Structures are given as structure tokens and as C-alpha cells.
Amino acid sequence: MPRPPVQPWVPLPGHKNLDGRARHTPTLVRQKTYVLGGRNGNQLFNDLWVFDTECFQLDLLTETCTFGSQGLP
């Protein structure tokens, strides 16, 4: 089976330095995807982002949440 073509990484409008991450919690609500916390190596994130799939806009809702990622081992 042939491999699909590689898609290039394209920064989104309103990117605002969203770092790559793993172990985050994405949640889809209607046309918006919310991304909470996560980690990148030893760096832990406790922020909340929203991506609007209709207008391709990414916004930081809060830099620090009172809930969320606690850095699981």
C-alpha cells in the first residue's frame, strides 16, 4: 500500500507560541477544540487553549488553570 503524501507543518493564525506537547487533554465541543495542559519532556503545561475549526483561529484562554495537568510520571 502506498504511503500518503507528507503534509507540511503550517502555523495557525493566532499561534501565540503554543508549544508541542504530549499527555494533554483535547476536547471537541461543536466547532471548537479545547486543549488542556500536557507536557514536553520535563516541561509541564497547565494552560488552556481553544482552536476554532471554522475560522482556523487558535487562542490562549488562560496560562494557568486551577485544575488539569499535574505531571504524571
C-alpha atoms as a PDB file:
ATOM      1  CA  MET A   1       0.000   0.000   0.000  1.00  0.00           C
ATOM      2  CA  PRO A   2       1.500   3.390  -0.961  1.00  0.00           C
ATOM      3  CA  ARG A   3       2.207   5.863   1.792  1.00  0.00           C
ATOM      4  CA  PRO A   4       0.133   9.062   1.834  1.00  0.00           C
ATOM      5  CA  PRO A   5       1.966  12.265   0.905  1.00  0.00           C
ATOM      6  CA  VAL A   6       3.674  14.107   3.741  1.00  0.00           C
ATOM      7  CA  GLN A   7       1.772  17.201   4.797  1.00  0.00           C
ATOM      8  CA  PRO A   8       3.896  20.204   5.791  1.00  0.00           C
ATOM      9  CA  TRP A   9       3.513  21.843   9.199  1.00  0.00           C
ATOM     10  CA  VAL A  10       1.654  25.125   8.778  1.00  0.00           C
ATOM     11  CA  PRO A  11       1.461  27.606  11.685  1.00  0.00           C
ATOM     12  CA  LEU A  12      -2.107  28.578  12.508  1.00  0.00           C
ATOM     13  CA  PRO A  13      -3.349  32.169  12.798  1.00  0.00           C
ATOM     14  CA  GLY A  14      -3.090  33.252  16.413  1.00  0.00           C
ATOM     15  CA  HIS A  15      -0.438  30.575  17.086  1.00  0.00           C
ATOM     16  CA  LYS A  16       0.944  32.605  20.025  1.00  0.00           C
ATOM     17  CA  ASN A  17       3.756  30.193  20.861  1.00  0.00           C
ATOM     18  CA  LEU A  18       1.715  27.051  21.544  1.00  0.00           C
ATOM     19  CA  ASP A  19       4.457  24.529  22.307  1.00  0.00           C
ATOM     20  CA  GLY A  20       4.304  20.947  21.089  1.00  0.00           C
ATOM     21  CA  ARG A  21       3.055  18.634  23.825  1.00  0.00           C
ATOM     22  CA  ALA A  22       2.013  15.142  24.814  1.00  0.00           C
ATOM     23  CA  ARG A  23      -0.325  13.821  27.515  1.00  0.00           C
ATOM     24  CA  HIS A  24      -2.662  16.781  27.014  1.00  0.00           C
ATOM     25  CA  THR A  25      -6.459  16.621  27.099  1.00  0.00           C
ATOM     26  CA  PRO A  26      -8.200  17.702  23.885  1.00  0.00           C
ATOM     27  CA  THR A  27     -11.990  18.074  23.932  1.00  0.00           C
ATOM     28  CA  LEU A  28     -14.216  18.854  20.942  1.00  0.00           C
ATOM     29  CA  VAL A  29     -17.337  20.956  21.642  1.00  0.00           C
ATOM     30  CA  ARG A  30     -19.250  21.827  18.471  1.00  0.00           C
ATOM     31  CA  GLN A  31     -16.732  23.551  16.176  1.00  0.00           C
ATOM     32  CA  LYS A  32     -14.158  24.255  18.911  1.00  0.00           C
ATOM     33  CA  THR A  33     -11.355  22.057  20.215  1.00  0.00           C
ATOM     34  CA  TYR A  34     -10.100  22.824  23.722  1.00  0.00           C
ATOM     35  CA  VAL A  35      -6.581  21.706  24.695  1.00  0.00           C
ATOM     36  CA  LEU A  36      -5.723  21.495  28.389  1.00  0.00           C
ATOM     37  CA  GLY A  37      -2.258  21.023  29.857  1.00  0.00           C
ATOM     38  CA  GLY A  38       0.220  18.348  28.879  1.00  0.00           C
ATOM     39  CA  ARG A  39       3.979  18.098  28.916  1.00  0.00           C
ATOM     40  CA  ASN A  40       7.012  18.428  26.661  1.00  0.00           C
ATOM     41  CA  GLY A  41       9.794  16.376  28.207  1.00  0.00           C
ATOM     42  CA  ASN A  42      10.285  17.802  31.707  1.00  0.00           C
ATOM     43  CA  GLN A  43       8.242  20.941  30.977  1.00  0.00           C
ATOM     44  CA  LEU A  44       4.682  20.720  32.343  1.00  0.00           C
ATOM     45  CA  PHE A  45       1.815  22.814  30.978  1.00  0.00           C
ATOM     46  CA  ASN A  46      -1.272  23.888  32.884  1.00  0.00           C
ATOM     47  CA  ASP A  47      -2.754  26.169  30.234  1.00  0.00           C
ATOM     48  CA  LEU A  48      -5.997  26.120  28.254  1.00  0.00           C
ATOM     49  CA  TRP A  49      -6.181  26.778  24.504  1.00  0.00           C
ATOM     50  CA  VAL A  50      -9.145  26.815  22.118  1.00  0.00           C
ATOM     51  CA  PHE A  51      -8.997  26.159  18.368  1.00  0.00           C
ATOM     52  CA  ASP A  52     -11.994  27.192  16.257  1.00  0.00           C
ATOM     53  CA  THR A  53     -12.222  24.719  13.359  1.00  0.00           C
ATOM     54  CA  GLU A  54     -14.466  27.033  11.312  1.00  0.00           C
ATOM     55  CA  CYS A  55     -12.172  30.061  11.193  1.00  0.00           C
ATOM     56  CA  PHE A  56      -8.867  28.241  11.997  1.00  0.00           C
ATOM     57  CA  GLN A  57      -8.169  30.577  14.931  1.00  0.00           C
ATOM     58  CA  LEU A  58      -6.132  29.448  17.933  1.00  0.00           C
ATOM     59  CA  ASP A  59      -6.361  31.411  21.192  1.00  0.00           C
ATOM     60  CA  LEU A  60      -4.896  31.073  24.668  1.00  0.00           C
ATOM     61  CA  LEU A  61      -7.776  31.209  27.158  1.00  0.00           C
ATOM     62  CA  THR A  62      -5.660  31.046  30.320  1.00  0.00           C
ATOM     63  CA  GLU A  63      -1.972  30.464  31.073  1.00  0.00           C
ATOM     64  CA  THR A  64      -2.650  28.780  34.419  1.00  0.00           C
ATOM     65  CA  CYS A  65      -5.669  26.653  35.305  1.00  0.00           C
ATOM     66  CA  THR A  66      -6.725  25.746  38.827  1.00  0.00           C
ATOM     67  CA  PHE A  67      -7.200  22.201  37.524  1.00  0.00           C
ATOM     68  CA  GLY A  68      -5.567  19.987  34.928  1.00  0.00           C
ATOM     69  CA  SER A  69      -2.169  18.515  34.243  1.00  0.00           C
ATOM     70  CA  GLN A  70      -0.285  17.526  37.380  1.00  0.00           C
ATOM     71  CA  GLY A  71       2.607  15.841  35.566  1.00  0.00           C
ATOM     72  CA  LEU A  72       2.010  12.128  35.615  1.00  0.00           C
ATOM     73  CA  PRO A  73       5.195  10.015  35.715  1.00  0.00           C
END
